[in-house]
Amino acid sequence: HELVPRPEQTPDALRAALAVVAPGRLPEM
């Protein structure tokens, strides 16, 4: 089981994935 597919390694794709799996870390990112 994976919560989201592995994102592409771009800032936008990483941010979108983080918003799903660990939204509390968005300010740190």
PDB file of all heavy atoms in Angstrom:
ATOM      1  N   HIS A   1       0.828  -1.206   0.000  1.00  0.00           N
ATOM      2  CA  HIS A   1       0.000   0.000   0.000  1.00  0.00           C
ATOM      3  C   HIS A   1       0.863   1.258   0.000  1.00  0.00           C
ATOM      4  O   HIS A   1       1.769   1.391   0.804  1.00  0.00           O
ATOM      5  CB  HIS A   1      -0.905  -0.012   1.233  1.00  0.00           C
ATOM      6  CG  HIS A   1      -1.741   1.207   1.368  1.00  0.00           C
ATOM      7  ND1 HIS A   1      -2.788   1.473   0.520  1.00  0.00           N
ATOM      8  CD2 HIS A   1      -1.675   2.251   2.223  1.00  0.00           C
ATOM      9  CE1 HIS A   1      -3.328   2.615   0.868  1.00  0.00           C
ATOM     10  NE2 HIS A   1      -2.679   3.119   1.890  1.00  0.00           N
ATOM     11  N   GLU A   2       0.567   2.156  -0.921  1.00  0.00           N
ATOM     12  CA  GLU A   2       1.241   3.451  -0.984  1.00  0.00           C
ATOM     13  C   GLU A   2       0.170   4.523  -0.963  1.00  0.00           C
ATOM     14  O   GLU A   2      -0.854   4.409  -1.637  1.00  0.00           O
ATOM     15  CB  GLU A   2       2.090   3.557  -2.248  1.00  0.00           C
ATOM     16  CG  GLU A   2       3.230   2.550  -2.255  1.00  0.00           C
ATOM     17  CD  GLU A   2       3.986   2.486  -3.561  1.00  0.00           C
ATOM     18  OE1 GLU A   2       3.512   3.021  -4.584  1.00  0.00           O
ATOM     19  OE2 GLU A   2       5.061   1.879  -3.567  1.00  0.00           O
ATOM     20  N   LEU A   3       0.370   5.566  -0.167  1.00  0.00           N
ATOM     21  CA  LEU A   3      -0.639   6.609  -0.014  1.00  0.00           C
ATOM     22  C   LEU A   3      -0.833   7.428  -1.280  1.00  0.00           C
ATOM     23  O   LEU A   3      -1.947   7.844  -1.599  1.00  0.00           O
ATOM     24  CB  LEU A   3      -0.285   7.513   1.160  1.00  0.00           C
ATOM     25  CG  LEU A   3      -0.158   6.803   2.512  1.00  0.00           C
ATOM     26  CD1 LEU A   3       0.234   7.800   3.594  1.00  0.00           C
ATOM     27  CD2 LEU A   3      -1.447   6.086   2.878  1.00  0.00           C
ATOM     28  N   VAL A   4       0.251   7.684  -1.981  1.00  0.00           N
ATOM     29  CA  VAL A   4       0.221   8.385  -3.271  1.00  0.00           C
ATOM     30  C   VAL A   4       1.305   7.773  -4.148  1.00  0.00           C
ATOM     31  O   VAL A   4       2.270   7.187  -3.634  1.00  0.00           O
ATOM     32  CB  VAL A   4       0.481   9.913  -3.124  1.00  0.00           C
ATOM     33  CG1 VAL A   4      -0.614  10.589  -2.326  1.00  0.00           C
ATOM     34  CG2 VAL A   4       1.847  10.193  -2.544  1.00  0.00           C
ATOM     35  N   PRO A   5       1.184   7.911  -5.460  1.00  0.00           N
ATOM     36  CA  PRO A   5       2.280   7.458  -6.321  1.00  0.00           C
ATOM     37  C   PRO A   5       3.537   8.293  -6.054  1.00  0.00           C
ATOM     38  O   PRO A   5       3.452   9.423  -5.570  1.00  0.00           O
ATOM     39  CB  PRO A   5       1.759   7.715  -7.737  1.00  0.00           C
ATOM     40  CG  PRO A   5       0.286   7.829  -7.603  1.00  0.00           C
ATOM     41  CD  PRO A   5       0.048   8.395  -6.230  1.00  0.00           C
ATOM     42  N   ARG A   6       4.686   7.737  -6.394  1.00  0.00           N
ATOM     43  CA  ARG A   6       5.932   8.494  -6.242  1.00  0.00           C
ATOM     44  C   ARG A   6       5.884   9.698  -7.172  1.00  0.00           C
ATOM     45  O   ARG A   6       5.672   9.565  -8.368  1.00  0.00           O
ATOM     46  CB  ARG A   6       7.132   7.609  -6.591  1.00  0.00           C
ATOM     47  CG  ARG A   6       8.467   8.336  -6.417  1.00  0.00           C
ATOM     48  CD  ARG A   6       9.660   7.426  -6.655  1.00  0.00           C
ATOM     49  NE  ARG A   6       9.627   6.318  -5.728  1.00  0.00           N
ATOM     50  CZ  ARG A   6       9.723   5.038  -6.104  1.00  0.00           C
ATOM     51  NH1 ARG A   6       9.868   4.712  -7.368  1.00  0.00           N
ATOM     52  NH2 ARG A   6       9.679   4.080  -5.196  1.00  0.00           N
ATOM     53  N   PRO A   7       6.076  10.896  -6.630  1.00  0.00           N
ATOM     54  CA  PRO A   7       5.996  12.092  -7.475  1.00  0.00           C
ATOM     55  C   PRO A   7       7.248  12.285  -8.317  1.00  0.00           C
ATOM     56  O   PRO A   7       8.320  11.777  -7.996  1.00  0.00           O
ATOM     57  CB  PRO A   7       5.856  13.227  -6.457  1.00  0.00           C
ATOM     58  CG  PRO A   7       6.550  12.715  -5.232  1.00  0.00           C
ATOM     59  CD  PRO A   7       6.298  11.221  -5.227  1.00  0.00           C
ATOM     60  N   GLU A   8       7.066  13.036  -9.383  1.00  0.00           N
ATOM     61  CA  GLU A   8       8.229  13.472 -10.154  1.00  0.00           C
ATOM     62  C   GLU A   8       9.075  14.364  -9.250  1.00  0.00           C
ATOM     63  O   GLU A   8       8.569  14.951  -8.299  1.00  0.00           O
ATOM     64  CB  GLU A   8       7.776  14.262 -11.392  1.00  0.00           C
ATOM     65  CG  GLU A   8       6.986  13.444 -12.386  1.00  0.00           C
ATOM     66  CD  GLU A   8       7.798  12.322 -13.031  1.00  0.00           C
ATOM     67  OE1 GLU A   8       9.011  12.512 -13.252  1.00  0.00           O
ATOM     68  OE2 GLU A   8       7.212  11.263 -13.313  1.00  0.00           O
ATOM     69  N   GLN A   9      10.337  14.493  -9.565  1.00  0.00           N
ATOM     70  CA  GLN A   9      11.229  15.297  -8.731  1.00  0.00           C
ATOM     71  C   GLN A   9      11.258  16.739  -9.209  1.00  0.00           C
ATOM     72  O   GLN A   9      12.280  17.247  -9.673  1.00  0.00           O
ATOM     73  CB  GLN A   9      12.613  14.657  -8.680  1.00  0.00           C
ATOM     74  CG  GLN A   9      12.584  13.346  -7.918  1.00  0.00           C
ATOM     75  CD  GLN A   9      13.948  12.722  -7.777  1.00  0.00           C
ATOM     76  OE1 GLN A   9      14.976  13.375  -7.939  1.00  0.00           O
ATOM     77  NE2 GLN A   9      13.967  11.438  -7.461  1.00  0.00           N
ATOM     78  N   THR A  10      10.111  17.393  -9.058  1.00  0.00           N
ATOM     79  CA  THR A  10       9.983  18.820  -9.342  1.00  0.00           C
ATOM     80  C   THR A  10       9.376  19.459  -8.095  1.00  0.00           C
ATOM     81  O   THR A  10       8.636  18.796  -7.350  1.00  0.00           O
ATOM     82  CB  THR A  10       9.066  19.086 -10.548  1.00  0.00           C
ATOM     83  OG1 THR A  10       7.736  18.676 -10.220  1.00  0.00           O
ATOM     84  CG2 THR A  10       9.550  18.362 -11.800  1.00  0.00           C
ATOM     85  N   PRO A  11       9.653  20.732  -7.851  1.00  0.00           N
ATOM     86  CA  PRO A  11       9.075  21.375  -6.662  1.00  0.00           C
ATOM     87  C   PRO A  11       7.552  21.266  -6.584  1.00  0.00           C
ATOM     88  O   PRO A  11       7.006  20.955  -5.521  1.00  0.00           O
ATOM     89  CB  PRO A  11       9.544  22.827  -6.791  1.00  0.00           C
ATOM     90  CG  PRO A  11      10.849  22.721  -7.514  1.00  0.00           C
ATOM     91  CD  PRO A  11      10.618  21.613  -8.526  1.00  0.00           C
ATOM     92  N   ASP A  12       6.857  21.480  -7.703  1.00  0.00           N
ATOM     93  CA  ASP A  12       5.402  21.425  -7.675  1.00  0.00           C
ATOM     94  C   ASP A  12       4.882  20.022  -7.371  1.00  0.00           C
ATOM     95  O   ASP A  12       3.946  19.851  -6.589  1.00  0.00           O
ATOM     96  CB  ASP A  12       4.809  21.933  -8.993  1.00  0.00           C
ATOM     97  CG  ASP A  12       4.949  23.440  -9.159  1.00  0.00           C
ATOM     98  OD1 ASP A  12       5.166  24.154  -8.151  1.00  0.00           O
ATOM     99  OD2 ASP A  12       4.843  23.909 -10.311  1.00  0.00           O
ATOM    100  N   ALA A  13       5.475  19.017  -8.000  1.00  0.00           N
ATOM    101  CA  ALA A  13       5.037  17.636  -7.768  1.00  0.00           C
ATOM    102  C   ALA A  13       5.342  17.197  -6.333  1.00  0.00           C
ATOM    103  O   ALA A  13       4.514  16.527  -5.688  1.00  0.00           O
ATOM    104  CB  ALA A  13       5.704  16.696  -8.765  1.00  0.00           C
ATOM    105  N   LEU A  14       6.500  17.567  -5.824  1.00  0.00           N
ATOM    106  CA  LEU A  14       6.845  17.217  -4.447  1.00  0.00           C
ATOM    107  C   LEU A  14       5.906  17.904  -3.464  1.00  0.00           C
ATOM    108  O   LEU A  14       5.437  17.286  -2.500  1.00  0.00           O
ATOM    109  CB  LEU A  14       8.301  17.587  -4.153  1.00  0.00           C
ATOM    110  CG  LEU A  14       9.353  16.785  -4.919  1.00  0.00           C
ATOM    111  CD1 LEU A  14      10.737  17.385  -4.708  1.00  0.00           C
ATOM    112  CD2 LEU A  14       9.329  15.317  -4.516  1.00  0.00           C
ATOM    113  N   ARG A  15       5.597  19.167  -3.708  1.00  0.00           N
ATOM    114  CA  ARG A  15       4.690  19.897  -2.826  1.00  0.00           C
ATOM    115  C   ARG A  15       3.306  19.258  -2.832  1.00  0.00           C
ATOM    116  O   ARG A  15       2.683  19.101  -1.792  1.00  0.00           O
ATOM    117  CB  ARG A  15       4.592  21.364  -3.250  1.00  0.00           C
ATOM    118  CG  ARG A  15       3.776  22.194  -2.282  1.00  0.00           C
ATOM    119  CD  ARG A  15       3.606  23.632  -2.752  1.00  0.00           C
ATOM    120  NE  ARG A  15       3.005  24.472  -1.747  1.00  0.00           N
ATOM    121  CZ  ARG A  15       1.764  24.351  -1.290  1.00  0.00           C
ATOM    122  NH1 ARG A  15       0.986  23.402  -1.739  1.00  0.00           N
ATOM    123  NH2 ARG A  15       1.302  25.169  -0.368  1.00  0.00           N
ATOM    124  N   ALA A  16       2.811  18.883  -4.003  1.00  0.00           N
ATOM    125  CA  ALA A  16       1.490  18.258  -4.110  1.00  0.00           C
ATOM    126  C   ALA A  16       1.452  16.935  -3.338  1.00  0.00           C
ATOM    127  O   ALA A  16       0.477  16.647  -2.637  1.00  0.00           O
ATOM    128  CB  ALA A  16       1.119  18.042  -5.569  1.00  0.00           C
ATOM    129  N   ALA A  17       2.497  16.139  -3.446  1.00  0.00           N
ATOM    130  CA  ALA A  17       2.554  14.863  -2.717  1.00  0.00           C
ATOM    131  C   ALA A  17       2.631  15.106  -1.213  1.00  0.00           C
ATOM    132  O   ALA A  17       1.939  14.440  -0.434  1.00  0.00           O
ATOM    133  CB  ALA A  17       3.738  14.036  -3.197  1.00  0.00           C
ATOM    134  N   LEU A  18       3.457  16.064  -0.812  1.00  0.00           N
ATOM    135  CA  LEU A  18       3.586  16.358   0.616  1.00  0.00           C
ATOM    136  C   LEU A  18       2.266  16.851   1.192  1.00  0.00           C
ATOM    137  O   LEU A  18       1.921  16.524   2.326  1.00  0.00           O
ATOM    138  CB  LEU A  18       4.690  17.388   0.858  1.00  0.00           C
ATOM    139  CG  LEU A  18       5.061  17.631   2.313  1.00  0.00           C
ATOM    140  CD1 LEU A  18       5.683  16.373   2.935  1.00  0.00           C
ATOM    141  CD2 LEU A  18       6.014  18.811   2.438  1.00  0.00           C
ATOM    142  N   ALA A  19       1.504  17.590   0.419  1.00  0.00           N
ATOM    143  CA  ALA A  19       0.210  18.092   0.875  1.00  0.00           C
ATOM    144  C   ALA A  19      -0.738  16.952   1.226  1.00  0.00           C
ATOM    145  O   ALA A  19      -1.610  17.107   2.084  1.00  0.00           O
ATOM    146  CB  ALA A  19      -0.416  18.991  -0.189  1.00  0.00           C
ATOM    147  N   VAL A  20      -0.527  15.789   0.631  1.00  0.00           N
ATOM    148  CA  VAL A  20      -1.363  14.619   0.915  1.00  0.00           C
ATOM    149  C   VAL A  20      -0.789  13.809   2.079  1.00  0.00           C
ATOM    150  O   VAL A  20      -1.511  13.438   3.000  1.00  0.00           O
ATOM    151  CB  VAL A  20      -1.508  13.722  -0.339  1.00  0.00           C
ATOM    152  CG1 VAL A  20      -2.244  12.427  -0.007  1.00  0.00           C
ATOM    153  CG2 VAL A  20      -2.199  14.483  -1.455  1.00  0.00           C
ATOM    154  N   VAL A  21       0.520  13.516   2.039  1.00  0.00           N
ATOM    155  CA  VAL A  21       1.094  12.575   3.003  1.00  0.00           C
ATOM    156  C   VAL A  21       1.548  13.208   4.316  1.00  0.00           C
ATOM    157  O   VAL A  21       1.614  12.535   5.336  1.00  0.00           O
ATOM    158  CB  VAL A  21       2.257  11.750   2.394  1.00  0.00           C
ATOM    159  CG1 VAL A  21       1.765  10.921   1.217  1.00  0.00           C
ATOM    160  CG2 VAL A  21       3.425  12.629   1.986  1.00  0.00           C
ATOM    161  N   ALA A  22       1.880  14.494   4.305  1.00  0.00           N
ATOM    162  CA  ALA A  22       2.349  15.171   5.527  1.00  0.00           C
ATOM    163  C   ALA A  22       2.115  16.671   5.406  1.00  0.00           C
ATOM    164  O   ALA A  22       3.058  17.464   5.364  1.00  0.00           O
ATOM    165  CB  ALA A  22       3.830  14.870   5.777  1.00  0.00           C
ATOM    166  N   PRO A  23       0.846  17.097   5.355  1.00  0.00           N
ATOM    167  CA  PRO A  23       0.563  18.512   5.126  1.00  0.00           C
ATOM    168  C   PRO A  23       1.137  19.446   6.189  1.00  0.00           C
ATOM    169  O   PRO A  23       1.435  20.609   5.894  1.00  0.00           O
ATOM    170  CB  PRO A  23      -0.967  18.572   5.093  1.00  0.00           C
ATOM    171  CG  PRO A  23      -1.431  17.317   5.734  1.00  0.00           C
ATOM    172  CD  PRO A  23      -0.359  16.298   5.503  1.00  0.00           C
ATOM    173  N   GLY A  24       1.343  18.963   7.384  1.00  0.00           N
ATOM    174  CA  GLY A  24       1.925  19.784   8.436  1.00  0.00           C
ATOM    175  C   GLY A  24       3.360  20.199   8.156  1.00  0.00           C
ATOM    176  O   GLY A  24       3.880  21.135   8.789  1.00  0.00           O
ATOM    177  N   ARG A  25       4.004  19.535   7.213  1.00  0.00           N
ATOM    178  CA  ARG A  25       5.391  19.854   6.880  1.00  0.00           C
ATOM    179  C   ARG A  25       5.525  20.848   5.731  1.00  0.00           C
ATOM    180  O   ARG A  25       6.634  21.209   5.343  1.00  0.00           O
ATOM    181  CB  ARG A  25       6.160  18.569   6.548  1.00  0.00           C
ATOM    182  CG  ARG A  25       6.307  17.659   7.776  1.00  0.00           C
ATOM    183  CD  ARG A  25       7.280  16.530   7.546  1.00  0.00           C
ATOM    184  NE  ARG A  25       8.635  17.052   7.398  1.00  0.00           N
ATOM    185  CZ  ARG A  25       9.652  16.325   6.923  1.00  0.00           C
ATOM    186  NH1 ARG A  25       9.473  15.073   6.562  1.00  0.00           N
ATOM    187  NH2 ARG A  25      10.860  16.865   6.806  1.00  0.00           N
ATOM    188  N   LEU A  26       4.395  21.302   5.167  1.00  0.00           N
ATOM    189  CA  LEU A  26       4.468  22.254   4.049  1.00  0.00           C
ATOM    190  C   LEU A  26       5.222  23.537   4.393  1.00  0.00           C
ATOM    191  O   LEU A  26       6.035  23.988   3.580  1.00  0.00           O
ATOM    192  CB  LEU A  26       3.067  22.557   3.522  1.00  0.00           C
ATOM    193  CG  LEU A  26       2.430  21.432   2.704  1.00  0.00           C
ATOM    194  CD1 LEU A  26       0.953  21.731   2.453  1.00  0.00           C
ATOM    195  CD2 LEU A  26       3.171  21.231   1.392  1.00  0.00           C
ATOM    196  N   PRO A  27       5.005  24.149   5.570  1.00  0.00           N
ATOM    197  CA  PRO A  27       5.799  25.354   5.888  1.00  0.00           C
ATOM    198  C   PRO A  27       7.305  25.066   5.948  1.00  0.00           C
ATOM    199  O   PRO A  27       8.112  25.875   5.483  1.00  0.00           O
ATOM    200  CB  PRO A  27       5.257  25.789   7.252  1.00  0.00           C
ATOM    201  CG  PRO A  27       3.879  25.221   7.318  1.00  0.00           C
ATOM    202  CD  PRO A  27       3.965  23.912   6.579  1.00  0.00           C
ATOM    203  N   GLU A  28       7.678  23.911   6.488  1.00  0.00           N
ATOM    204  CA  GLU A  28       9.098  23.520   6.537  1.00  0.00           C
ATOM    205  C   GLU A  28       9.649  23.369   5.118  1.00  0.00           C
ATOM    206  O   GLU A  28      10.762  23.825   4.822  1.00  0.00           O
ATOM    207  CB  GLU A  28       9.234  22.203   7.304  1.00  0.00           C
ATOM    208  CG  GLU A  28      10.628  21.633   7.331  1.00  0.00           C
ATOM    209  CD  GLU A  28      10.683  20.217   7.889  1.00  0.00           C
ATOM    210  OE1 GLU A  28       9.647  19.666   8.309  1.00  0.00           O
ATOM    211  OE2 GLU A  28      11.800  19.665   7.895  1.00  0.00           O
ATOM    212  N   MET A  29       8.864  22.747   4.249  1.00  0.00           N
ATOM    213  CA  MET A  29       9.305  22.576   2.866  1.00  0.00           C
ATOM    214  C   MET A  29       9.534  23.929   2.200  1.00  0.00           C
ATOM    215  O   MET A  29      10.555  24.139   1.536  1.00  0.00           O
ATOM    216  CB  MET A  29       8.284  21.774   2.058  1.00  0.00           C
ATOM    217  CG  MET A  29       8.659  21.622   0.592  1.00  0.00           C
ATOM    218  SD  MET A  29       7.367  20.861  -0.377  1.00  0.00           S
ATOM    219  CE  MET A  29       8.230  19.406  -0.950  1.00  0.00           C
TER     220      MET A  29
END
